[in-house]
Amino acid sequence: MMRSELMPLSSHALACRRSRRPGRRARDTIARFRSRPNALQQRGIRHPARLVPLAFLAVIAIGTALLSLPFAHAGPGSAPWVTALFTAVSAICVTGLTVVDTATYWSAFGQVVILVLFQLGGLGIMAGATLLVLLVSKRLRLGTRLIAQAETRSMDLVDVMAVVWLILRVMLIVEAALTVVLTLRFHFGYGQPFGTALWNGLFHAVSAFNNAGFSTYSDSVMGFYDDALVLVPMMIAVLVGGLGFPVLHELRREPWRWPRWSVHTKITLLGTAFLFFGGALAIGAYEWTNPQTLAPMGTGERILNAMFHSVSARSSGFNTLDMGTLKSETLAVNYVLMFIGGGSASTAGGIRITTFFLLGLVVWAEVRGRPDTFAFGRTIPADVQRQALTVALLGVSVIAFGTLALMSVTELPLVVVVFEVISASATVGLSTGITGELPPSGQLMLVVMMFIGRVGPVTVATALALRGRNLPYRYPEERPIVG
C-alpha cells in the first residue's frame, strides 16, 4: 500500500465528503433555516439602537392604557385617548408639555402614573432594567452591559455597573433631600396639611431631578416666584440631573482634580456654567423692564427668577414667569437654551452641551487654519466631530420639518409655533400656552417630536458608534466650493 493511502484525510477533504451526503446536507439546510429567525431576532431586537426605542414605545403603550382608565380621570368618564397618549409620551420623555391641567384633570391615581412615567423616563428604561437585573442576579451579561452602556453612555464596559449604581444612589439622595426640603417648606411656610405637603414635595422633587417639568399646581411654580427656599433647591436638583451620569461618576471618582478629568467632563461643566450665567444675564437684561414679568419684582427677586428661568429653559420646563408675556428677544434666547439642552446621558434634552461646544471648537480650529481640533490639550477625533455634526443637523432638521408641519394645521404666529416645536423636540416642556389650543393632529405631531427628542440622540449616537468601520479603499479626493 502506498504511503499516501495511509495518511488521514485533511479537514477540507472530510468537509467535501460530508457535503456530498444528501441526508446530511438536508439536515444542515433545515438547521440553518431554523436558526435564522433567532439570529435575526438577536440582531434586530437586542441591538441597543433598536431596543431602546422599543422599550420606550412599550412603556408609552402601558402608560396610555393606564391614563385611559376611568379612575385616572378626576372627572366623570375617562380621558380621550389623544390626551392620555400625549400625557404619557410627555411624561416618559420627561418633557412636561400638557394639553390639560395636571393638577385638576387627573385623579390621584393618574398623577401617580405620571410620576412613575417620568421617573422611568429620567432614569432610563434600559438603565432601570439593568438595575433590576443587578438586584436579582447580582451580575450582568455582556449583552446587558452593551445595552446599558448605550443608554448611560459609559466610557467602557467596566464602568457600566458603577455608573448604573451611581444613577440609583444619586437619584435617591437628591430626590429624598429635595422632598424633605420642599415638604417642610410647603407645610410650615404655606400651611399645607402634612400629607398634601409631602405629596407636592415628592412630586416636584422627582419632576425637578428628572427635568420633567410636571407640577401639581395649575400655574407650575409661579406662586413661588419670591421664595428662594423653594426655587434654589429645585435649581440645584435640575442642574445635578442635567450634568449627566458619566460626569457625576467621574466627579465622584476624581473629585477636585481638574487635570485628571476627561475632556467630556470639562466641556460639560464649563458649558453648563456658561449657559447658566449667560442665559440668566440675557433673560434678565431683556425682561428687566417688562411690566408683565420682572419689572414689578425687587432686585433680588429679578435675579432669582432670571437664574431660575435660565436653568429651566435648558430642559426642566418649570416656570415662574408667564411665558406668554415674554418679549420676542427672550423667546429667541430660549430657542438657543432649549436647543442646546444639558449634558449627555442626563435627564435633560436638546442636542447636548458637548455636541454644541464640540462644533464650536471645530469652527474655531477652521477659522485658525488648524488641521486638527483641540480641546484641553487633546485632539478630538474626526469621527467624533462627524457624530456631533450629524446630531446637530438632525436636530435642526426635526425642528424645521416640525415647524412646517405644525404651521400647516394651525394659524398661530410663527414665533410661538417655533417655540413649541423646539420645546417638544428638546424635551423641555415650556410653552407659551398654545399646547391645549392645537388640534388633535397638531398634538400628535408634538407627540412624535417629543419621542424623537428623547430617544433620537441615544439611538443616533449608538447607531453611529456601532456602525463605524474602516473601508479597505478610498475614493479620489475632489474639493467642492464651500461658501
Protein backbone atom coordinates (compact mmCIF):
# COMPACT_ATOMS: atom_id res chain seq x y z
CA MET A 1 0.00 0.00 0.00
CA MET A 2 1.26 3.43 -0.90
CA ARG A 3 2.15 5.89 1.81
CA SER A 4 -0.40 8.42 0.60
CA GLU A 5 -3.19 5.94 1.26
CA LEU A 6 -2.13 5.61 4.90
CA MET A 7 -2.35 9.35 5.60
CA PRO A 8 -5.59 10.62 7.18
CA LEU A 9 -7.90 12.78 5.14
CA SER A 10 -7.49 16.52 5.57
CA SER A 11 -10.26 18.59 7.18
CA HIS A 12 -11.09 20.05 3.77
CA ALA A 13 -11.44 16.58 2.24
CA LEU A 14 -13.64 15.45 5.10
CA ALA A 15 -15.86 18.50 4.66
CA CYS A 16 -16.16 17.86 0.95
CA ARG A 17 -17.02 14.19 1.51
CA ARG A 18 -19.66 15.08 4.12
CA SER A 19 -21.17 17.73 1.89
CA ARG A 20 -21.87 15.04 -0.72
CA ARG A 21 -24.16 13.18 1.64
CA PRO A 22 -27.77 14.12 0.70
CA GLY A 23 -29.24 13.43 4.12
CA ARG A 24 -26.69 15.46 5.99
CA ARG A 25 -26.96 18.31 3.51
CA ALA A 26 -30.72 18.47 4.03
CA ARG A 27 -30.36 18.42 7.79
CA ASP A 28 -27.80 21.22 7.66
CA THR A 29 -30.09 23.30 5.46
CA ILE A 30 -33.02 22.80 7.82
CA ALA A 31 -30.85 23.67 10.82
CA ARG A 32 -29.67 26.87 9.17
CA PHE A 33 -33.25 27.80 8.26
CA ARG A 34 -34.46 27.20 11.81
CA SER A 35 -31.63 29.18 13.34
CA ARG A 36 -32.15 32.17 11.04
CA PRO A 37 -35.12 33.69 12.97
CA ASN A 38 -33.14 33.52 16.20
CA ALA A 39 -30.19 35.21 14.53
CA LEU A 40 -32.46 37.88 13.09
CA GLN A 41 -34.06 38.33 16.47
CA GLN A 42 -30.67 38.72 18.12
CA ARG A 43 -29.61 41.32 15.55
CA GLY A 44 -32.92 43.15 15.41
CA ILE A 45 -34.23 43.20 18.97
CA ARG A 46 -31.12 43.02 21.16
CA HIS A 47 -29.35 45.72 19.16
CA PRO A 48 -29.15 48.75 21.52
CA ALA A 49 -30.09 51.21 18.76
CA ARG A 50 -33.37 49.30 18.28
CA LEU A 51 -34.05 48.06 21.78
CA VAL A 52 -34.13 51.48 23.46
CA PRO A 53 -36.90 52.88 21.20
CA LEU A 54 -38.87 49.65 21.51
CA ALA A 55 -38.64 49.81 25.30
CA PHE A 56 -39.89 53.39 25.33
CA LEU A 57 -42.76 52.50 22.98
CA ALA A 58 -43.78 49.62 25.24
CA VAL A 59 -43.86 51.83 28.34
CA ILE A 60 -45.74 54.55 26.42
CA ALA A 61 -48.40 51.99 25.48
CA ILE A 62 -48.75 50.88 29.10
CA GLY A 63 -48.90 54.48 30.35
CA THR A 64 -51.52 55.43 27.77
CA ALA A 65 -53.66 52.45 28.78
CA LEU A 66 -53.43 53.34 32.48
CA LEU A 67 -54.25 57.01 31.90
CA SER A 68 -57.24 55.96 29.78
CA LEU A 69 -58.82 54.19 32.74
CA PRO A 70 -61.89 55.94 34.22
CA PHE A 71 -60.37 56.28 37.70
CA ALA A 72 -57.30 58.06 36.28
CA HIS A 73 -59.54 60.99 35.34
CA ALA A 74 -60.67 63.36 38.09
CA GLY A 75 -63.99 64.00 36.37
CA PRO A 76 -66.65 61.65 35.05
CA GLY A 77 -65.74 59.18 32.34
CA SER A 78 -62.24 58.56 31.04
CA ALA A 79 -59.71 60.76 29.27
CA PRO A 80 -59.72 60.80 25.44
CA TRP A 81 -57.02 58.58 24.00
CA VAL A 82 -55.20 61.53 22.43
CA THR A 83 -54.99 63.25 25.83
CA ALA A 84 -53.82 60.04 27.51
CA LEU A 85 -51.25 59.39 24.77
CA PHE A 86 -49.93 62.96 24.80
CA THR A 87 -49.56 62.95 28.60
CA ALA A 88 -47.91 59.51 28.65
CA VAL A 89 -45.39 60.48 25.95
CA SER A 90 -44.68 63.83 27.62
CA ALA A 91 -44.07 62.07 30.94
CA ILE A 92 -41.92 59.17 29.71
CA CYS A 93 -39.94 61.58 27.51
CA VAL A 94 -39.55 63.93 30.55
CA THR A 95 -40.87 66.86 28.54
CA GLY A 96 -43.63 68.40 30.62
CA LEU A 97 -45.87 69.71 27.86
CA THR A 98 -49.53 69.21 28.74
CA VAL A 99 -52.82 69.60 26.94
CA VAL A 100 -54.78 69.54 30.22
CA ASP A 101 -54.19 70.84 33.74
CA THR A 102 -52.30 68.12 35.61
CA ALA A 103 -53.47 69.43 38.99
CA THR A 104 -57.20 69.27 38.26
CA TYR A 105 -57.70 66.95 35.29
CA TRP A 106 -56.03 63.82 36.66
CA SER A 107 -57.01 61.96 39.82
CA ALA A 108 -54.53 60.90 42.49
CA PHE A 109 -54.06 57.62 40.61
CA GLY A 110 -53.45 59.47 37.34
CA GLN A 111 -50.86 61.71 38.98
CA VAL A 112 -49.08 58.69 40.44
CA VAL A 113 -48.95 57.11 36.98
CA ILE A 114 -47.49 60.33 35.56
CA LEU A 115 -44.88 60.44 38.35
CA VAL A 116 -43.84 56.84 37.71
CA LEU A 117 -43.60 57.50 33.99
CA PHE A 118 -41.28 60.49 34.22
CA GLN A 119 -39.24 58.73 36.89
CA LEU A 120 -38.72 55.85 34.45
CA GLY A 121 -38.08 58.26 31.60
CA GLY A 122 -35.44 60.21 33.50
CA LEU A 123 -33.77 57.13 34.92
CA GLY A 124 -33.80 55.47 31.50
CA ILE A 125 -35.80 52.41 30.58
CA MET A 126 -32.75 50.26 29.97
CA ALA A 127 -30.86 51.64 32.94
CA GLY A 128 -33.86 50.73 35.09
CA ALA A 129 -33.98 47.25 33.60
CA THR A 130 -30.25 46.91 34.25
CA LEU A 131 -30.81 47.81 37.89
CA LEU A 132 -33.42 45.07 38.17
CA VAL A 133 -31.02 42.55 36.66
CA LEU A 134 -28.34 43.60 39.12
CA LEU A 135 -30.71 43.34 42.07
CA VAL A 136 -31.95 39.90 41.03
CA SER A 137 -28.85 38.18 39.68
CA LYS A 138 -26.05 40.35 41.10
CA ARG A 139 -24.26 40.24 37.74
CA LEU A 140 -24.56 41.49 34.18
CA ARG A 141 -24.09 39.53 30.99
CA LEU A 142 -22.19 41.08 28.11
CA GLY A 143 -25.37 41.82 26.12
CA THR A 144 -26.96 43.62 29.06
CA ARG A 145 -23.79 45.64 29.60
CA LEU A 146 -23.74 46.70 25.95
CA ILE A 147 -27.36 47.86 26.13
CA ALA A 148 -26.83 49.71 29.42
CA GLN A 149 -23.64 51.23 28.03
CA ALA A 150 -25.61 52.60 25.06
CA GLU A 151 -28.13 54.43 27.25
CA THR A 152 -25.86 55.53 30.11
CA ARG A 153 -23.07 56.50 27.69
CA SER A 154 -20.47 54.80 29.87
CA MET A 155 -16.97 55.19 28.57
CA ASP A 156 -16.26 51.46 28.69
CA LEU A 157 -17.93 48.22 29.75
CA VAL A 158 -16.08 48.16 33.07
CA ASP A 159 -17.79 51.40 34.11
CA VAL A 160 -21.33 50.23 33.31
CA MET A 161 -22.12 48.68 36.69
CA ALA A 162 -20.52 51.58 38.56
CA VAL A 163 -22.49 54.15 36.54
CA VAL A 164 -25.77 52.26 36.94
CA TRP A 165 -25.35 52.01 40.71
CA LEU A 166 -24.37 55.68 40.81
CA ILE A 167 -27.59 56.55 38.95
CA LEU A 168 -29.61 54.83 41.64
CA ARG A 169 -27.72 56.43 44.54
CA VAL A 170 -27.76 59.96 43.11
CA MET A 171 -31.42 59.67 42.21
CA LEU A 172 -32.44 58.51 45.69
CA ILE A 173 -30.24 61.02 47.54
CA VAL A 174 -31.21 64.10 45.50
CA GLU A 175 -34.91 63.27 45.31
CA ALA A 176 -35.12 62.37 49.02
CA ALA A 177 -33.28 65.53 50.11
CA LEU A 178 -35.39 67.79 47.89
CA THR A 179 -38.58 66.04 49.05
CA VAL A 180 -37.71 66.80 52.68
CA VAL A 181 -36.85 70.45 51.94
CA LEU A 182 -39.98 71.12 49.88
CA THR A 183 -42.28 69.22 52.24
CA LEU A 184 -41.12 71.23 55.23
CA ARG A 185 -41.40 74.47 53.29
CA PHE A 186 -44.89 73.71 51.98
CA HIS A 187 -46.07 72.58 55.41
CA PHE A 188 -44.60 75.26 57.66
CA GLY A 189 -44.30 78.11 55.15
CA TYR A 190 -47.64 77.76 53.37
CA GLY A 191 -49.77 75.92 55.89
CA GLN A 192 -50.44 72.86 53.75
CA PRO A 193 -51.53 69.70 55.60
CA PHE A 194 -48.55 67.40 56.03
CA GLY A 195 -49.90 64.73 53.68
CA THR A 196 -50.56 67.29 50.95
CA ALA A 197 -47.18 68.93 51.51
CA LEU A 198 -45.46 65.54 51.35
CA TRP A 199 -47.14 64.63 48.05
CA ASN A 200 -46.42 68.04 46.49
CA GLY A 201 -42.82 67.90 47.72
CA LEU A 202 -42.26 64.38 46.39
CA PHE A 203 -43.88 65.12 43.03
CA HIS A 204 -41.83 68.28 42.45
CA ALA A 205 -38.62 66.66 43.71
CA VAL A 206 -38.88 63.77 41.27
CA SER A 207 -40.00 66.09 38.49
CA ALA A 208 -37.11 68.51 39.10
CA PHE A 209 -34.34 65.90 39.23
CA ASN A 210 -35.67 64.22 36.08
CA ASN A 211 -36.11 67.58 34.32
CA ALA A 212 -39.74 66.63 33.69
CA GLY A 213 -41.48 69.96 34.33
CA PHE A 214 -44.74 68.45 35.60
CA SER A 215 -46.33 70.21 38.56
CA THR A 216 -49.27 69.61 40.88
CA TYR A 217 -50.04 73.33 40.65
CA SER A 218 -52.04 74.76 37.77
CA ASP A 219 -49.59 77.63 37.26
CA SER A 220 -46.44 75.49 37.61
CA VAL A 221 -44.30 77.20 40.30
CA MET A 222 -45.33 80.79 39.56
CA GLY A 223 -46.74 81.02 43.08
CA PHE A 224 -43.22 80.68 44.50
CA TYR A 225 -41.51 83.34 42.37
CA ASP A 226 -40.32 85.14 45.51
CA ASP A 227 -39.38 82.08 47.57
CA ALA A 228 -35.69 81.17 47.32
CA LEU A 229 -36.20 78.24 49.72
CA VAL A 230 -38.27 76.55 47.01
CA LEU A 231 -36.60 77.74 43.81
CA VAL A 232 -32.93 77.35 44.76
CA PRO A 233 -33.18 73.67 45.86
CA MET A 234 -35.15 72.92 42.71
CA MET A 235 -32.47 74.61 40.59
CA ILE A 236 -29.77 72.51 42.23
CA ALA A 237 -31.70 69.29 41.54
CA VAL A 238 -32.27 70.30 37.91
CA LEU A 239 -28.58 71.10 37.44
CA VAL A 240 -27.42 67.83 39.02
CA GLY A 241 -29.82 65.81 36.90
CA GLY A 242 -28.74 67.72 33.79
CA LEU A 243 -24.99 67.14 34.14
CA GLY A 244 -25.11 63.53 33.02
CA PHE A 245 -24.25 60.40 34.94
CA PRO A 246 -20.83 59.83 33.32
CA VAL A 247 -19.81 63.28 34.58
CA LEU A 248 -21.13 62.55 38.07
CA HIS A 249 -19.30 59.21 38.01
CA GLU A 250 -16.01 60.91 37.15
CA LEU A 251 -16.51 63.67 39.72
CA ARG A 252 -17.09 61.02 42.38
CA ARG A 253 -14.02 59.08 41.31
CA GLU A 254 -11.71 62.09 40.83
CA PRO A 255 -13.11 64.96 42.94
CA TRP A 256 -11.44 68.35 42.62
CA ARG A 257 -8.80 67.04 40.20
CA TRP A 258 -9.24 69.19 37.13
CA PRO A 259 -6.11 67.93 35.28
CA ARG A 260 -7.33 64.33 35.55
CA TRP A 261 -10.86 64.98 34.34
CA SER A 262 -11.80 63.89 30.85
CA VAL A 263 -12.45 66.34 28.03
CA HIS A 264 -16.12 65.37 28.17
CA THR A 265 -16.41 66.36 31.84
CA LYS A 266 -14.55 69.63 31.34
CA ILE A 267 -16.69 70.65 28.37
CA THR A 268 -19.90 69.72 30.20
CA LEU A 269 -19.04 71.65 33.37
CA LEU A 270 -17.73 74.75 31.61
CA GLY A 271 -20.60 74.68 29.12
CA THR A 272 -23.15 74.36 31.92
CA ALA A 273 -21.66 77.34 33.75
CA PHE A 274 -21.50 79.42 30.56
CA LEU A 275 -25.11 78.70 29.61
CA PHE A 276 -26.36 79.22 33.16
CA PHE A 277 -24.81 82.66 33.69
CA GLY A 278 -25.10 83.74 30.06
CA GLY A 279 -28.75 82.73 29.89
CA ALA A 280 -29.57 84.45 33.18
CA LEU A 281 -27.83 87.63 32.06
CA ALA A 282 -29.64 87.70 28.71
CA ILE A 283 -33.07 86.91 30.19
CA GLY A 284 -32.60 89.46 32.96
CA ALA A 285 -31.47 92.15 30.51
CA TYR A 286 -34.44 91.70 28.17
CA GLU A 287 -37.11 91.26 30.85
CA TRP A 288 -35.80 93.68 33.49
CA THR A 289 -38.22 96.43 32.47
CA ASN A 290 -41.06 94.22 31.23
CA PRO A 291 -44.08 95.19 33.40
CA GLN A 292 -45.62 91.73 32.90
CA THR A 293 -42.64 89.72 34.11
CA LEU A 294 -39.65 91.05 36.11
CA ALA A 295 -40.37 94.77 36.43
CA PRO A 296 -42.79 94.53 39.40
CA MET A 297 -40.28 92.48 41.42
CA GLY A 298 -37.49 93.61 43.67
CA THR A 299 -33.86 93.38 42.55
CA GLY A 300 -33.18 90.12 44.37
CA GLU A 301 -36.33 88.54 43.02
CA ARG A 302 -35.49 89.62 39.48
CA ILE A 303 -32.06 87.98 39.70
CA LEU A 304 -33.53 84.84 41.26
CA ASN A 305 -36.18 84.45 38.57
CA ALA A 306 -33.74 85.17 35.74
CA MET A 307 -31.44 82.45 37.08
CA PHE A 308 -34.29 80.01 37.61
CA HIS A 309 -35.58 80.56 34.10
CA SER A 310 -32.08 80.14 32.66
CA VAL A 311 -31.86 76.71 34.29
CA SER A 312 -35.43 75.75 33.46
CA ALA A 313 -35.20 76.76 29.81
CA ARG A 314 -32.49 74.18 29.13
CA SER A 315 -34.76 71.27 29.99
CA SER A 316 -36.73 71.25 33.24
CA GLY A 317 -39.80 73.13 31.96
CA PHE A 318 -40.84 74.79 35.24
CA ASN A 319 -41.72 78.46 35.01
CA THR A 320 -42.12 81.29 37.47
CA LEU A 321 -42.87 83.79 34.68
CA ASP A 322 -45.87 83.88 32.38
CA MET A 323 -44.35 82.51 29.17
CA GLY A 324 -47.00 84.16 27.04
CA THR A 325 -45.84 87.63 28.13
CA LEU A 326 -42.12 87.26 27.40
CA LYS A 327 -40.55 89.57 24.82
CA SER A 328 -39.65 88.17 21.42
CA GLU A 329 -35.96 88.64 22.23
CA THR A 330 -36.36 86.49 25.35
CA LEU A 331 -38.12 83.81 23.35
CA ALA A 332 -35.15 83.82 20.97
CA VAL A 333 -32.80 83.30 23.92
CA ASN A 334 -34.99 80.39 24.95
CA TYR A 335 -34.66 78.93 21.45
CA VAL A 336 -30.90 78.67 21.94
CA LEU A 337 -31.02 77.37 25.51
CA MET A 338 -33.66 74.75 24.71
CA PHE A 339 -31.89 73.59 21.55
CA ILE A 340 -28.57 73.04 23.35
CA GLY A 341 -30.06 71.37 26.44
CA GLY A 342 -28.00 69.59 29.10
CA GLY A 343 -25.25 67.00 29.41
CA SER A 344 -25.06 63.69 27.58
CA ALA A 345 -26.69 60.70 29.32
CA SER A 346 -28.55 63.08 31.62
CA THR A 347 -32.21 63.69 32.33
CA ALA A 348 -32.01 66.85 30.19
CA GLY A 349 -32.76 67.11 26.48
CA GLY A 350 -31.54 69.07 23.48
CA ILE A 351 -28.61 68.19 21.24
CA ARG A 352 -26.47 68.22 24.43
CA ILE A 353 -23.75 70.56 25.63
CA THR A 354 -20.81 68.52 24.33
CA THR A 355 -22.33 68.37 20.84
CA PHE A 356 -22.76 72.14 20.64
CA PHE A 357 -19.38 73.12 22.06
CA LEU A 358 -17.51 70.48 20.06
CA LEU A 359 -18.92 72.04 16.92
CA GLY A 360 -17.79 75.42 18.23
CA LEU A 361 -14.27 74.02 18.65
CA VAL A 362 -14.37 72.68 15.10
CA VAL A 363 -15.34 76.10 13.77
CA TRP A 364 -12.63 77.77 15.85
CA ALA A 365 -9.99 75.37 14.55
CA GLU A 366 -11.10 76.01 10.96
CA VAL A 367 -11.00 79.79 11.49
CA ARG A 368 -7.48 79.48 12.91
CA GLY A 369 -6.41 77.32 9.98
CA ARG A 370 -5.53 74.32 12.14
CA PRO A 371 -5.72 70.86 10.58
CA ASP A 372 -6.89 69.28 13.85
CA THR A 373 -9.40 70.23 16.54
CA PHE A 374 -8.01 70.51 20.05
CA ALA A 375 -9.62 70.76 23.48
CA PHE A 376 -7.69 70.93 26.77
CA GLY A 377 -4.54 69.50 25.25
CA ARG A 378 -6.33 66.64 23.49
CA THR A 379 -7.14 66.07 19.83
CA ILE A 380 -10.80 65.47 19.02
CA PRO A 381 -11.06 62.52 16.58
CA ALA A 382 -12.66 63.12 13.21
CA ASP A 383 -15.38 60.51 13.81
CA VAL A 384 -16.48 62.31 16.99
CA GLN A 385 -16.69 65.57 15.05
CA ARG A 386 -18.85 63.90 12.40
CA GLN A 387 -21.13 62.43 15.07
CA ALA A 388 -21.60 65.87 16.65
CA LEU A 389 -22.35 67.39 13.26
CA THR A 390 -24.84 64.61 12.49
CA VAL A 391 -26.72 65.00 15.77
CA ALA A 392 -26.89 68.80 15.43
CA LEU A 393 -28.02 68.71 11.80
CA LEU A 394 -30.67 66.11 12.55
CA GLY A 395 -31.88 68.29 15.44
CA VAL A 396 -32.20 71.30 13.15
CA SER A 397 -34.00 69.16 10.57
CA VAL A 398 -36.54 67.92 13.11
CA ILE A 399 -37.28 71.49 14.18
CA ALA A 400 -37.59 72.72 10.60
CA PHE A 401 -39.91 69.94 9.46
CA GLY A 402 -41.86 70.07 12.72
CA THR A 403 -42.43 73.80 12.33
CA LEU A 404 -43.65 73.41 8.76
CA ALA A 405 -45.94 70.54 9.75
CA LEU A 406 -47.43 72.43 12.70
CA MET A 407 -47.88 75.63 10.70
CA SER A 408 -49.92 73.65 8.17
CA VAL A 409 -52.57 72.76 10.76
CA THR A 410 -52.76 75.99 12.76
CA GLU A 411 -52.97 79.75 12.21
CA LEU A 412 -50.84 80.63 15.23
CA PRO A 413 -47.90 83.08 14.89
CA LEU A 414 -44.58 81.63 13.77
CA VAL A 415 -42.71 82.79 16.87
CA VAL A 416 -44.85 80.70 19.25
CA VAL A 417 -45.01 77.71 16.90
CA VAL A 418 -41.21 77.57 16.71
CA PHE A 419 -41.05 77.85 20.50
CA GLU A 420 -43.47 74.94 20.90
CA VAL A 421 -41.62 72.76 18.39
CA ILE A 422 -38.20 73.34 19.96
CA SER A 423 -39.65 72.76 23.43
CA ALA A 424 -41.12 69.43 22.31
CA SER A 425 -38.16 68.16 20.31
CA ALA A 426 -35.68 69.24 23.01
CA THR A 427 -37.95 67.71 25.73
CA VAL A 428 -38.06 70.99 27.67
CA GLY A 429 -41.77 71.42 28.36
CA LEU A 430 -42.05 75.21 28.39
CA SER A 431 -44.99 76.60 26.46
CA THR A 432 -46.46 79.96 25.61
CA GLY A 433 -49.89 78.44 26.30
CA ILE A 434 -50.81 77.11 22.88
CA THR A 435 -50.46 73.36 23.53
CA GLY A 436 -54.06 72.86 24.54
CA GLU A 437 -55.28 75.02 21.64
CA LEU A 438 -53.70 72.81 18.98
CA PRO A 439 -55.95 70.44 17.01
CA PRO A 440 -55.51 66.70 17.63
CA SER A 441 -53.33 66.42 14.53
CA GLY A 442 -51.02 69.12 15.90
CA GLN A 443 -50.83 67.41 19.27
CA LEU A 444 -49.92 64.12 17.58
CA MET A 445 -47.13 65.95 15.73
CA LEU A 446 -45.78 67.11 19.07
CA VAL A 447 -46.01 63.52 20.34
CA VAL A 448 -43.74 62.38 17.51
CA MET A 449 -41.29 65.21 18.16
CA MET A 450 -41.14 64.50 21.90
CA PHE A 451 -40.41 60.84 21.21
CA ILE A 452 -37.70 61.70 18.68
CA GLY A 453 -36.20 64.25 21.05
CA ARG A 454 -35.94 61.79 23.93
CA VAL A 455 -34.95 58.62 22.09
CA GLY A 456 -33.34 60.06 18.97
CA PRO A 457 -29.99 61.28 20.41
CA VAL A 458 -29.38 57.94 22.18
CA THR A 459 -30.36 55.92 19.11
CA VAL A 460 -28.41 58.03 16.62
CA ALA A 461 -25.25 58.22 18.72
CA THR A 462 -25.36 54.49 19.44
CA ALA A 463 -26.00 53.56 15.82
CA LEU A 464 -23.16 55.77 14.61
CA ALA A 465 -20.77 54.30 17.17
CA LEU A 466 -21.70 50.70 16.40
CA ARG A 467 -21.70 51.09 12.61
CA GLY A 468 -18.28 52.71 12.44
CA ARG A 469 -15.85 50.73 10.30
CA ASN A 470 -12.73 51.23 8.21
CA LEU A 471 -13.08 50.64 4.48
CA PRO A 472 -10.20 48.93 2.65
CA TYR A 473 -10.26 51.59 -0.06
CA ARG A 474 -10.57 55.36 -0.57
CA TYR A 475 -12.04 57.33 -3.45
CA PRO A 476 -10.04 60.06 -5.16
CA GLU A 477 -10.34 63.45 -3.48
CA GLU A 478 -12.13 66.42 -5.02
CA ARG A 479 -12.84 69.74 -3.34
CA PRO A 480 -16.31 71.28 -3.88
CA ILE A 481 -16.62 75.04 -3.48
CA VAL A 482 -17.80 75.93 0.05
CA GLY A 483 -19.35 79.29 0.84
